[in-house]
PDB file of N, CA and C in Angstrom:
ATOM      1  N   UNK A   1     -40.995 -44.146 -44.606  1.00  0.00           N
ATOM      2  CA  UNK A   1     -41.403 -45.333 -45.710  1.00  0.00           C
ATOM      3  C   UNK A   1     -42.193 -44.592 -47.086  1.00  0.00           C
ATOM      4  N   UNK A   2     -41.898 -45.085 -48.373  1.00  0.00           N
ATOM      5  CA  UNK A   2     -42.461 -44.321 -49.158  1.00  0.00           C
ATOM      6  C   UNK A   2     -43.338 -45.775 -50.020  1.00  0.00           C
ATOM      7  N   UNK A   3     -44.414 -45.154 -50.941  1.00  0.00           N
ATOM      8  CA  UNK A   3     -45.262 -45.686 -51.209  1.00  0.00           C
ATOM      9  C   UNK A   3     -45.744 -45.423 -52.432  1.00  0.00           C
ATOM     10  N   UNK A   4     -46.091 -46.331 -53.285  1.00  0.00           N
ATOM     11  CA  UNK A   4     -46.652 -46.008 -54.850  1.00  0.00           C
ATOM     12  C   UNK A   4     -48.109 -47.083 -55.033  1.00  0.00           C
ATOM     13  N   UNK A   5     -49.420 -46.138 -55.551  1.00  0.00           N
ATOM     14  CA  UNK A   5     -49.789 -46.250 -55.490  1.00  0.00           C
ATOM     15  C   UNK A   5     -49.903 -46.593 -57.390  1.00  0.00           C
ATOM     16  N   UNK A   6     -49.804 -47.415 -58.462  1.00  0.00           N
ATOM     17  CA  UNK A   6     -50.156 -47.762 -59.209  1.00  0.00           C
ATOM     18  C   UNK A   6     -51.485 -47.970 -59.292  1.00  0.00           C
ATOM     19  N   UNK A   7     -52.353 -47.654 -60.699  1.00  0.00           N
ATOM     20  CA  UNK A   7     -53.780 -48.195 -60.707  1.00  0.00           C
ATOM     21  C   UNK A   7     -54.091 -47.741 -62.340  1.00  0.00           C
ATOM     22  N   UNK A   8     -54.684 -48.614 -62.897  1.00  0.00           N
ATOM     23  CA  UNK A   8     -55.326 -48.771 -64.044  1.00  0.00           C
ATOM     24  C   UNK A   8     -57.241 -48.136 -63.818  1.00  0.00           C
ATOM     25  N   UNK A   9     -57.491 -47.062 -64.541  1.00  0.00           N
ATOM     26  CA  UNK A   9     -58.742 -46.839 -64.675  1.00  0.00           C
ATOM     27  C   UNK A   9     -59.678 -46.285 -65.447  1.00  0.00           C
ATOM     28  N   UNK A  10     -60.363 -47.104 -66.268  1.00  0.00           N
ATOM     29  CA  UNK A  10     -60.866 -46.687 -67.417  1.00  0.00           C
ATOM     30  C   UNK A  10     -62.350 -45.485 -67.372  1.00  0.00           C
ATOM     31  N   UNK A  11     -63.168 -45.667 -66.262  1.00  0.00           N
ATOM     32  CA  UNK A  11     -64.691 -45.318 -65.585  1.00  0.00           C
ATOM     33  C   UNK A  11     -63.906 -43.846 -64.342  1.00  0.00           C
ATOM     34  N   UNK A  12     -62.828 -43.920 -64.050  1.00  0.00           N
ATOM     35  CA  UNK A  12     -62.322 -43.172 -62.572  1.00  0.00           C
ATOM     36  C   UNK A  12     -62.994 -44.067 -61.373  1.00  0.00           C
ATOM     37  N   UNK A  13     -63.353 -44.716 -61.433  1.00  0.00           N
ATOM     38  CA  UNK A  13     -63.510 -45.356 -60.089  1.00  0.00           C
ATOM     39  C   UNK A  13     -62.429 -46.335 -59.457  1.00  0.00           C
ATOM     40  N   UNK A  14     -61.267 -46.343 -60.130  1.00  0.00           N
ATOM     41  CA  UNK A  14     -60.701 -47.613 -59.555  1.00  0.00           C
ATOM     42  C   UNK A  14     -59.530 -46.047 -59.204  1.00  0.00           C
ATOM     43  N   UNK A  15     -59.381 -44.951 -60.009  1.00  0.00           N
ATOM     44  CA  UNK A  15     -58.382 -43.890 -59.480  1.00  0.00           C
ATOM     45  C   UNK A  15     -59.032 -43.128 -58.096  1.00  0.00           C
ATOM     46  N   UNK A  16     -60.287 -43.659 -58.015  1.00  0.00           N
ATOM     47  CA  UNK A  16     -61.220 -42.381 -56.739  1.00  0.00           C
ATOM     48  C   UNK A  16     -60.454 -43.061 -55.721  1.00  0.00           C
ATOM     49  N   UNK A  17     -60.802 -44.078 -55.418  1.00  0.00           N
ATOM     50  CA  UNK A  17     -60.803 -45.680 -54.830  1.00  0.00           C
ATOM     51  C   UNK A  17     -58.721 -45.145 -54.062  1.00  0.00           C
ATOM     52  N   UNK A  18     -57.805 -45.038 -55.489  1.00  0.00           N
ATOM     53  CA  UNK A  18     -56.652 -45.358 -55.399  1.00  0.00           C
ATOM     54  C   UNK A  18     -56.096 -44.186 -54.158  1.00  0.00           C
ATOM     55  N   UNK A  19     -57.143 -42.394 -54.634  1.00  0.00           N
ATOM     56  CA  UNK A  19     -56.647 -41.563 -53.437  1.00  0.00           C
ATOM     57  C   UNK A  19     -57.521 -41.735 -52.084  1.00  0.00           C
ATOM     58  N   UNK A  20     -58.212 -42.261 -52.862  1.00  0.00           N
ATOM     59  CA  UNK A  20     -58.509 -42.925 -50.888  1.00  0.00           C
ATOM     60  C   UNK A  20     -57.640 -43.277 -49.922  1.00  0.00           C
ATOM     61  N   UNK A  21     -57.402 -44.503 -50.821  1.00  0.00           N
ATOM     62  CA  UNK A  21     -56.113 -45.382 -50.098  1.00  0.00           C
ATOM     63  C   UNK A  21     -54.462 -44.293 -49.636  1.00  0.00           C
ATOM     64  N   UNK A  22     -54.602 -43.755 -50.384  1.00  0.00           N
ATOM     65  CA  UNK A  22     -53.352 -42.597 -50.137  1.00  0.00           C
ATOM     66  C   UNK A  22     -53.590 -41.557 -49.119  1.00  0.00           C
ATOM     67  N   UNK A  23     -54.828 -40.875 -49.128  1.00  0.00           N
ATOM     68  CA  UNK A  23     -55.217 -40.406 -47.791  1.00  0.00           C
ATOM     69  C   UNK A  23     -55.509 -41.535 -46.292  1.00  0.00           C
ATOM     70  N   UNK A  24     -55.052 -42.363 -46.697  1.00  0.00           N
ATOM     71  CA  UNK A  24     -55.484 -43.389 -45.498  1.00  0.00           C
ATOM     72  C   UNK A  24     -54.314 -43.269 -44.845  1.00  0.00           C
ATOM     73  N   UNK A  25     -52.849 -43.891 -45.566  1.00  0.00           N
ATOM     74  CA  UNK A  25     -51.598 -44.555 -45.166  1.00  0.00           C
ATOM     75  C   UNK A  25     -50.728 -43.369 -45.173  1.00  0.00           C
ATOM     76  N   UNK A  26     -51.039 -42.076 -45.596  1.00  0.00           N
ATOM     77  CA  UNK A  26     -50.061 -40.921 -45.590  1.00  0.00           C
ATOM     78  C   UNK A  26     -50.323 -40.428 -44.551  1.00  0.00           C
ATOM     79  N   UNK A  27     -48.960 -40.123 -43.939  1.00  0.00           N
ATOM     80  CA  UNK A  27     -49.132 -39.179 -42.383  1.00  0.00           C
ATOM     81  C   UNK A  27     -47.025 -38.903 -42.484  1.00  0.00           C
ATOM     82  N   UNK A  28     -47.034 -38.452 -40.895  1.00  0.00           N
ATOM     83  CA  UNK A  28     -45.555 -37.735 -40.818  1.00  0.00           C
ATOM     84  C   UNK A  28     -44.210 -39.127 -41.578  1.00  0.00           C
ATOM     85  N   UNK A  29     -44.358 -40.419 -41.665  1.00  0.00           N
ATOM     86  CA  UNK A  29     -43.533 -41.328 -41.432  1.00  0.00           C
ATOM     87  C   UNK A  29     -43.663 -41.662 -43.045  1.00  0.00           C
ATOM     88  N   UNK A  30     -44.774 -41.357 -43.526  1.00  0.00           N
ATOM     89  CA  UNK A  30     -45.192 -42.133 -44.716  1.00  0.00           C
ATOM     90  C   UNK A  30     -45.700 -41.464 -46.270  1.00  0.00           C
ATOM     91  N   UNK A  31     -44.839 -40.990 -46.675  1.00  0.00           N
ATOM     92  CA  UNK A  31     -45.113 -40.088 -48.225  1.00  0.00           C
ATOM     93  C   UNK A  31     -45.631 -41.582 -49.140  1.00  0.00           C
ATOM     94  N   UNK A  32     -46.799 -40.927 -50.656  1.00  0.00           N
ATOM     95  CA  UNK A  32     -47.345 -41.553 -50.973  1.00  0.00           C
ATOM     96  C   UNK A  32     -47.571 -41.312 -52.417  1.00  0.00           C
ATOM     97  N   UNK A  33     -46.923 -41.798 -53.506  1.00  0.00           N
ATOM     98  CA  UNK A  33     -47.503 -40.693 -54.748  1.00  0.00           C
ATOM     99  C   UNK A  33     -48.244 -42.435 -55.346  1.00  0.00           C
ATOM    100  N   UNK A  34     -49.459 -41.474 -55.910  1.00  0.00           N
ATOM    101  CA  UNK A  34     -50.739 -41.972 -56.678  1.00  0.00           C
ATOM    102  C   UNK A  34     -50.545 -41.688 -58.139  1.00  0.00           C
ATOM    103  N   UNK A  35     -50.265 -42.790 -59.229  1.00  0.00           N
ATOM    104  CA  UNK A  35     -49.759 -42.274 -60.550  1.00  0.00           C
ATOM    105  C   UNK A  35     -50.655 -43.939 -61.255  1.00  0.00           C
ATOM    106  N   UNK A  36     -50.847 -43.254 -62.361  1.00  0.00           N
ATOM    107  CA  UNK A  36     -51.762 -44.233 -63.430  1.00  0.00           C
ATOM    108  C   UNK A  36     -50.772 -44.651 -63.958  1.00  0.00           C
ATOM    109  N   UNK A  37     -51.025 -46.189 -64.417  1.00  0.00           N
ATOM    110  CA  UNK A  37     -50.222 -46.976 -64.662  1.00  0.00           C
ATOM    111  C   UNK A  37     -49.230 -46.646 -66.058  1.00  0.00           C
ATOM    112  N   UNK A  38     -49.762 -46.032 -66.982  1.00  0.00           N
ATOM    113  CA  UNK A  38     -48.971 -45.492 -68.298  1.00  0.00           C
ATOM    114  C   UNK A  38     -47.804 -44.960 -67.886  1.00  0.00           C
ATOM    115  N   UNK A  39     -48.046 -44.237 -66.339  1.00  0.00           N
ATOM    116  CA  UNK A  39     -47.082 -43.100 -66.376  1.00  0.00           C
ATOM    117  C   UNK A  39     -46.345 -43.322 -65.366  1.00  0.00           C
ATOM    118  N   UNK A  40     -45.762 -44.837 -65.053  1.00  0.00           N
ATOM    119  CA  UNK A  40     -44.564 -45.362 -63.991  1.00  0.00           C
ATOM    120  C   UNK A  40     -43.979 -46.570 -65.067  1.00  0.00           C
ATOM    121  N   UNK A  41     -42.475 -45.869 -64.546  1.00  0.00           N
ATOM    122  CA  UNK A  41     -41.699 -46.686 -65.988  1.00  0.00           C
ATOM    123  C   UNK A  41     -41.285 -47.843 -64.564  1.00  0.00           C
ATOM    124  N   UNK A  42     -40.876 -48.870 -65.247  1.00  0.00           N
ATOM    125  CA  UNK A  42     -40.479 -49.979 -64.593  1.00  0.00           C
ATOM    126  C   UNK A  42     -39.007 -50.039 -63.376  1.00  0.00           C
ATOM    127  N   UNK A  43     -38.124 -49.297 -63.701  1.00  0.00           N
ATOM    128  CA  UNK A  43     -36.561 -48.954 -62.838  1.00  0.00           C
ATOM    129  C   UNK A  43     -38.146 -47.924 -61.684  1.00  0.00           C
ATOM    130  N   UNK A  44     -38.837 -47.137 -62.073  1.00  0.00           N
ATOM    131  CA  UNK A  44     -39.367 -46.192 -60.771  1.00  0.00           C
ATOM    132  C   UNK A  44     -39.270 -47.319 -59.423  1.00  0.00           C
ATOM    133  N   UNK A  45     -40.191 -48.662 -59.758  1.00  0.00           N
ATOM    134  CA  UNK A  45     -40.606 -49.672 -58.858  1.00  0.00           C
ATOM    135  C   UNK A  45     -39.711 -49.426 -57.404  1.00  0.00           C
ATOM    136  N   UNK A  46     -38.374 -49.609 -58.367  1.00  0.00           N
ATOM    137  CA  UNK A  46     -37.408 -49.610 -57.358  1.00  0.00           C
ATOM    138  C   UNK A  46     -36.855 -48.566 -56.106  1.00  0.00           C
ATOM    139  N   UNK A  47     -37.707 -47.260 -56.337  1.00  0.00           N
ATOM    140  CA  UNK A  47     -37.441 -46.170 -55.594  1.00  0.00           C
ATOM    141  C   UNK A  47     -39.012 -46.094 -54.269  1.00  0.00           C
ATOM    142  N   UNK A  48     -39.201 -47.020 -54.165  1.00  0.00           N
ATOM    143  CA  UNK A  48     -40.762 -47.206 -53.282  1.00  0.00           C
ATOM    144  C   UNK A  48     -40.676 -48.554 -52.488  1.00  0.00           C
ATOM    145  N   UNK A  49     -40.791 -48.184 -51.115  1.00  0.00           N
ATOM    146  CA  UNK A  49     -40.328 -49.248 -50.634  1.00  0.00           C
ATOM    147  C   UNK A  49     -41.795 -50.228 -50.300  1.00  0.00           C
ATOM    148  N   UNK A  50     -42.831 -50.020 -50.952  1.00  0.00           N
ATOM    149  CA  UNK A  50     -44.212 -50.825 -50.679  1.00  0.00           C
ATOM    150  C   UNK A  50     -44.712 -49.860 -52.379  1.00  0.00           C
ATOM    151  N   UNK A  51     -45.353 -51.111 -52.401  1.00  0.00           N
ATOM    152  CA  UNK A  51     -46.493 -51.075 -53.989  1.00  0.00           C
ATOM    153  C   UNK A  51     -47.876 -51.176 -53.754  1.00  0.00           C
ATOM    154  N   UNK A  52     -48.606 -50.342 -53.881  1.00  0.00           N
ATOM    155  CA  UNK A  52     -50.097 -50.756 -54.318  1.00  0.00           C
ATOM    156  C   UNK A  52     -50.388 -50.516 -55.254  1.00  0.00           C
ATOM    157  N   UNK A  53     -51.125 -52.155 -55.537  1.00  0.00           N
ATOM    158  CA  UNK A  53     -51.788 -52.109 -57.241  1.00  0.00           C
ATOM    159  C   UNK A  53     -52.995 -52.032 -57.160  1.00  0.00           C
ATOM    160  N   UNK A  54     -53.937 -51.322 -58.183  1.00  0.00           N
ATOM    161  CA  UNK A  54     -55.625 -51.365 -58.353  1.00  0.00           C
ATOM    162  C   UNK A  54     -55.834 -51.568 -59.986  1.00  0.00           C
ATOM    163  N   UNK A  55     -56.701 -52.031 -60.183  1.00  0.00           N
ATOM    164  CA  UNK A  55     -57.208 -52.511 -61.398  1.00  0.00           C
ATOM    165  C   UNK A  55     -58.533 -53.042 -61.148  1.00  0.00           C
ATOM    166  N   UNK A  56     -59.186 -52.586 -62.886  1.00  0.00           N
ATOM    167  CA  UNK A  56     -60.461 -53.106 -62.642  1.00  0.00           C
ATOM    168  C   UNK A  56     -60.155 -54.642 -63.267  1.00  0.00           C
ATOM    169  N   UNK A  57     -61.236 -55.677 -62.917  1.00  0.00           N
ATOM    170  CA  UNK A  57     -61.045 -56.719 -63.779  1.00  0.00           C
ATOM    171  C   UNK A  57     -62.384 -56.305 -64.947  1.00  0.00           C
ATOM    172  N   UNK A  58     -61.773 -57.819 -66.364  1.00  0.00           N
ATOM    173  CA  UNK A  58     -62.470 -57.703 -67.072  1.00  0.00           C
ATOM    174  C   UNK A  58     -62.451 -59.111 -67.451  1.00  0.00           C
ATOM    175  N   UNK A  59     -63.278 -60.032 -67.316  1.00  0.00           N
ATOM    176  CA  UNK A  59     -63.558 -61.324 -67.765  1.00  0.00           C
ATOM    177  C   UNK A  59     -62.774 -62.039 -66.525  1.00  0.00           C
ATOM    178  N   UNK A  60     -62.633 -62.018 -65.464  1.00  0.00           N
ATOM    179  CA  UNK A  60     -61.562 -62.332 -64.007  1.00  0.00           C
ATOM    180  C   UNK A  60     -60.257 -62.085 -64.060  1.00  0.00           C
ATOM    181  N   UNK A  61     -60.134 -61.122 -65.107  1.00  0.00           N
ATOM    182  CA  UNK A  61     -58.542 -60.971 -65.374  1.00  0.00           C
ATOM    183  C   UNK A  61     -57.848 -58.857 -65.252  1.00  0.00           C
ATOM    184  N   UNK A  62     -56.832 -58.661 -65.023  1.00  0.00           N
ATOM    185  CA  UNK A  62     -56.633 -57.399 -64.129  1.00  0.00           C
ATOM    186  C   UNK A  62     -56.706 -56.695 -66.225  1.00  0.00           C
ATOM    187  N   UNK A  63     -56.506 -55.411 -65.721  1.00  0.00           N
ATOM    188  CA  UNK A  63     -56.375 -54.179 -67.115  1.00  0.00           C
ATOM    189  C   UNK A  63     -54.867 -54.973 -67.605  1.00  0.00           C
ATOM    190  N   UNK A  64     -55.047 -55.161 -68.777  1.00  0.00           N
ATOM    191  CA  UNK A  64     -53.698 -55.188 -69.809  1.00  0.00           C
ATOM    192  C   UNK A  64     -53.035 -54.542 -69.377  1.00  0.00           C
ATOM    193  N   UNK A  65     -52.909 -53.025 -68.971  1.00  0.00           N
ATOM    194  CA  UNK A  65     -52.021 -52.166 -69.162  1.00  0.00           C
ATOM    195  C   UNK A  65     -51.282 -52.805 -67.674  1.00  0.00           C
ATOM    196  N   UNK A  66     -51.762 -52.798 -67.084  1.00  0.00           N
ATOM    197  CA  UNK A  66     -51.321 -53.508 -64.897  1.00  0.00           C
ATOM    198  C   UNK A  66     -50.827 -54.648 -65.706  1.00  0.00           C
ATOM    199  N   UNK A  67     -51.009 -55.628 -66.074  1.00  0.00           N
ATOM    200  CA  UNK A  67     -50.619 -56.968 -66.572  1.00  0.00           C
ATOM    201  C   UNK A  67     -48.773 -56.316 -67.020  1.00  0.00           C
ATOM    202  N   UNK A  68     -49.061 -55.798 -67.962  1.00  0.00           N
ATOM    203  CA  UNK A  68     -47.937 -55.453 -68.614  1.00  0.00           C
ATOM    204  C   UNK A  68     -46.948 -54.923 -67.438  1.00  0.00           C
ATOM    205  N   UNK A  69     -47.395 -54.530 -66.722  1.00  0.00           N
ATOM    206  CA  UNK A  69     -46.380 -53.916 -65.392  1.00  0.00           C
ATOM    207  C   UNK A  69     -46.082 -54.442 -65.118  1.00  0.00           C
ATOM    208  N   UNK A  70     -46.849 -55.541 -64.373  1.00  0.00           N
ATOM    209  CA  UNK A  70     -46.498 -56.306 -63.498  1.00  0.00           C
ATOM    210  C   UNK A  70     -45.698 -57.353 -63.912  1.00  0.00           C
ATOM    211  N   UNK A  71     -45.568 -58.127 -65.150  1.00  0.00           N
ATOM    212  CA  UNK A  71     -44.474 -59.384 -66.238  1.00  0.00           C
ATOM    213  C   UNK A  71     -43.222 -58.539 -66.502  1.00  0.00           C
ATOM    214  N   UNK A  72     -43.215 -56.744 -66.868  1.00  0.00           N
ATOM    215  CA  UNK A  72     -42.014 -56.506 -66.863  1.00  0.00           C
ATOM    216  C   UNK A  72     -41.045 -56.187 -66.081  1.00  0.00           C
ATOM    217  N   UNK A  73     -42.267 -55.936 -64.959  1.00  0.00           N
ATOM    218  CA  UNK A  73     -40.996 -55.994 -63.409  1.00  0.00           C
ATOM    219  C   UNK A  73     -40.538 -57.157 -63.357  1.00  0.00           C
ATOM    220  N   UNK A  74     -40.487 -58.484 -63.343  1.00  0.00           N
ATOM    221  CA  UNK A  74     -39.973 -59.682 -63.135  1.00  0.00           C
ATOM    222  C   UNK A  74     -38.522 -59.229 -63.663  1.00  0.00           C
ATOM    223  N   UNK A  75     -37.658 -58.016 -64.139  1.00  0.00           N
ATOM    224  CA  UNK A  75     -35.726 -58.568 -63.672  1.00  0.00           C
ATOM    225  C   UNK A  75     -35.718 -57.660 -62.662  1.00  0.00           C
ATOM    226  N   UNK A  76     -36.885 -57.204 -61.633  1.00  0.00           N
ATOM    227  CA  UNK A  76     -36.456 -56.745 -60.579  1.00  0.00           C
ATOM    228  C   UNK A  76     -36.740 -57.525 -59.165  1.00  0.00           C
ATOM    229  N   UNK A  77     -37.338 -58.636 -59.554  1.00  0.00           N
ATOM    230  CA  UNK A  77     -37.523 -59.135 -58.126  1.00  0.00           C
ATOM    231  C   UNK A  77     -36.657 -59.905 -57.412  1.00  0.00           C
ATOM    232  N   UNK A  78     -37.233 -59.606 -55.963  1.00  0.00           N
ATOM    233  CA  UNK A  78     -36.006 -60.032 -55.567  1.00  0.00           C
ATOM    234  C   UNK A  78     -34.726 -58.660 -54.759  1.00  0.00           C
ATOM    235  N   UNK A  79     -35.041 -57.577 -55.267  1.00  0.00           N
ATOM    236  CA  UNK A  79     -34.149 -56.057 -55.178  1.00  0.00           C
ATOM    237  C   UNK A  79     -34.794 -55.907 -54.335  1.00  0.00           C
TER     238      UNK A  79
END
């Protein structure tokens, strides 16, 4: 299984959490890539069996960079 942990982190706290999650899921059968949201291209999402997203909240909303990635991924829903 191949997992992508995609995160946005302004102060580094969400990045630390992403790394901690990656350590928890990695084993012989699971590979896990941890990448900042701006380094992820939409078509690359199809290369993974599972996606984990991490974002701080601002006024109850996710970071705009994360929202853009998720909104742009609509063309791949169901694939």
